[in-house]
């Protein structure tokens, strides 16, 4: 997993995990599947203080799934941790 001390831009996320840049679902998913582009979710989290710091994507067995594989993005909060509220 590529980890940065700085936060990642959307362009860096897509460069490191191209599947995170998918704008449409894979053609084989059900019509009932509700697709949300990863970058849209990243932007929403960024707007409330969660910044992406690392990204990774899985490999694929079938080439037709390339660009649609699982991926993970780790975030850090811009807010200080309030340890008085933890158990």
C-alpha atoms as a PDB file:
ATOM      1  CA  UNK A   1       0.000   0.000   0.000  1.00  0.00           C
ATOM      2  CA  UNK A   2       1.408   3.357  -0.999  1.00  0.00           C
ATOM      3  CA  UNK A   3       1.337   5.678   2.031  1.00  0.00           C
ATOM      4  CA  UNK A   4       2.054   9.378   1.865  1.00  0.00           C
ATOM      5  CA  UNK A   5       2.853  11.744   4.687  1.00  0.00           C
ATOM      6  CA  UNK A   6       0.824  14.265   2.720  1.00  0.00           C
ATOM      7  CA  UNK A   7      -2.696  13.736   1.543  1.00  0.00           C
ATOM      8  CA  UNK A   8      -3.452  12.323  -1.885  1.00  0.00           C
ATOM      9  CA  UNK A   9      -5.123  14.233  -4.697  1.00  0.00           C
ATOM     10  CA  UNK A  10      -7.795  12.564  -6.815  1.00  0.00           C
ATOM     11  CA  UNK A  11      -5.274  12.315  -9.642  1.00  0.00           C
ATOM     12  CA  UNK A  12      -2.764  10.518  -7.385  1.00  0.00           C
ATOM     13  CA  UNK A  13      -5.469   8.138  -6.151  1.00  0.00           C
ATOM     14  CA  UNK A  14      -6.397   7.213  -9.728  1.00  0.00           C
ATOM     15  CA  UNK A  15      -2.740   6.832 -10.745  1.00  0.00           C
ATOM     16  CA  UNK A  16      -2.095   4.422  -7.843  1.00  0.00           C
ATOM     17  CA  UNK A  17      -5.442   2.588  -8.081  1.00  0.00           C
ATOM     18  CA  UNK A  18      -7.032   3.095 -11.504  1.00  0.00           C
ATOM     19  CA  UNK A  19     -10.202   1.247 -10.446  1.00  0.00           C
ATOM     20  CA  UNK A  20     -10.915   4.107  -8.021  1.00  0.00           C
ATOM     21  CA  UNK A  21     -11.479   6.308 -11.064  1.00  0.00           C
ATOM     22  CA  UNK A  22     -14.267   4.208 -12.584  1.00  0.00           C
ATOM     23  CA  UNK A  23     -17.242   6.379 -13.523  1.00  0.00           C
ATOM     24  CA  UNK A  24     -19.624   3.537 -14.392  1.00  0.00           C
ATOM     25  CA  UNK A  25     -20.191   0.057 -12.952  1.00  0.00           C
ATOM     26  CA  UNK A  26     -18.946  -3.095 -14.657  1.00  0.00           C
ATOM     27  CA  UNK A  27     -21.358  -4.223 -17.355  1.00  0.00           C
ATOM     28  CA  UNK A  28     -22.118  -7.486 -15.529  1.00  0.00           C
ATOM     29  CA  UNK A  29     -23.641  -5.974 -12.358  1.00  0.00           C
ATOM     30  CA  UNK A  30     -27.368  -6.084 -11.724  1.00  0.00           C
ATOM     31  CA  UNK A  31     -29.624  -3.180 -12.717  1.00  0.00           C
ATOM     32  CA  UNK A  32     -30.528  -2.970  -9.025  1.00  0.00           C
ATOM     33  CA  UNK A  33     -26.906  -2.159  -8.122  1.00  0.00           C
ATOM     34  CA  UNK A  34     -26.483   1.471  -7.108  1.00  0.00           C
ATOM     35  CA  UNK A  35     -23.073   2.667  -8.303  1.00  0.00           C
ATOM     36  CA  UNK A  36     -21.281   5.509  -6.513  1.00  0.00           C
ATOM     37  CA  UNK A  37     -17.958   6.565  -8.044  1.00  0.00           C
ATOM     38  CA  UNK A  38     -15.154   6.210  -5.511  1.00  0.00           C
ATOM     39  CA  UNK A  39     -13.853   9.696  -6.239  1.00  0.00           C
ATOM     40  CA  UNK A  40     -17.298  11.124  -5.417  1.00  0.00           C
ATOM     41  CA  UNK A  41     -17.163   9.371  -2.024  1.00  0.00           C
ATOM     42  CA  UNK A  42     -13.588  10.614  -1.471  1.00  0.00           C
ATOM     43  CA  UNK A  43     -14.683  14.183  -2.199  1.00  0.00           C
ATOM     44  CA  UNK A  44     -17.577  13.873   0.250  1.00  0.00           C
ATOM     45  CA  UNK A  45     -15.280  12.558   2.998  1.00  0.00           C
ATOM     46  CA  UNK A  46     -12.696  15.236   2.232  1.00  0.00           C
ATOM     47  CA  UNK A  47     -15.384  17.921   2.651  1.00  0.00           C
ATOM     48  CA  UNK A  48     -15.997  16.804   6.250  1.00  0.00           C
ATOM     49  CA  UNK A  49     -12.358  16.608   7.271  1.00  0.00           C
ATOM     50  CA  UNK A  50     -11.236  13.098   6.274  1.00  0.00           C
ATOM     51  CA  UNK A  51      -8.194  13.208   3.994  1.00  0.00           C
ATOM     52  CA  UNK A  52      -6.927  10.282   1.858  1.00  0.00           C
ATOM     53  CA  UNK A  53      -3.397   9.200   2.782  1.00  0.00           C
ATOM     54  CA  UNK A  54      -2.940   5.795   1.119  1.00  0.00           C
ATOM     55  CA  UNK A  55      -4.498   3.661  -1.579  1.00  0.00           C
ATOM     56  CA  UNK A  56      -4.256   0.091  -2.849  1.00  0.00           C
ATOM     57  CA  UNK A  57      -6.132  -2.056  -5.335  1.00  0.00           C
ATOM     58  CA  UNK A  58      -6.492  -5.808  -5.771  1.00  0.00           C
ATOM     59  CA  UNK A  59      -5.303  -7.724  -8.786  1.00  0.00           C
ATOM     60  CA  UNK A  60      -7.696  -9.321 -11.250  1.00  0.00           C
ATOM     61  CA  UNK A  61      -8.026 -12.899 -12.490  1.00  0.00           C
ATOM     62  CA  UNK A  62     -10.106 -11.996 -15.546  1.00  0.00           C
ATOM     63  CA  UNK A  63      -8.913  -9.148 -17.752  1.00  0.00           C
ATOM     64  CA  UNK A  64     -12.509  -8.042 -18.372  1.00  0.00           C
ATOM     65  CA  UNK A  65     -12.652  -6.990 -14.707  1.00  0.00           C
ATOM     66  CA  UNK A  66      -9.555  -4.793 -14.968  1.00  0.00           C
ATOM     67  CA  UNK A  67     -10.459  -1.275 -13.861  1.00  0.00           C
ATOM     68  CA  UNK A  68     -13.329  -2.513 -11.681  1.00  0.00           C
ATOM     69  CA  UNK A  69     -11.486  -4.451  -8.974  1.00  0.00           C
ATOM     70  CA  UNK A  70     -11.664  -3.888  -5.244  1.00  0.00           C
ATOM     71  CA  UNK A  71      -9.668  -1.013  -3.833  1.00  0.00           C
ATOM     72  CA  UNK A  72      -9.063   0.507  -0.431  1.00  0.00           C
ATOM     73  CA  UNK A  73      -8.320   4.076   0.546  1.00  0.00           C
ATOM     74  CA  UNK A  74      -7.159   5.001   4.033  1.00  0.00           C
ATOM     75  CA  UNK A  75      -8.081   8.359   5.492  1.00  0.00           C
ATOM     76  CA  UNK A  76      -6.890  10.511   8.360  1.00  0.00           C
ATOM     77  CA  UNK A  77      -8.981  13.053  10.180  1.00  0.00           C
ATOM     78  CA  UNK A  78      -8.081  16.705  10.300  1.00  0.00           C
ATOM     79  CA  UNK A  79      -9.685  16.950  13.734  1.00  0.00           C
ATOM     80  CA  UNK A  80      -7.713  16.241  16.901  1.00  0.00           C
ATOM     81  CA  UNK A  81      -8.619  13.025  18.683  1.00  0.00           C
ATOM     82  CA  UNK A  82     -10.691  13.499  21.836  1.00  0.00           C
ATOM     83  CA  UNK A  83      -9.459  10.612  23.989  1.00  0.00           C
ATOM     84  CA  UNK A  84     -11.752  11.601  26.869  1.00  0.00           C
ATOM     85  CA  UNK A  85     -14.695  10.148  24.906  1.00  0.00           C
ATOM     86  CA  UNK A  86     -13.163   6.697  24.357  1.00  0.00           C
ATOM     87  CA  UNK A  87     -13.726   3.784  26.689  1.00  0.00           C
END
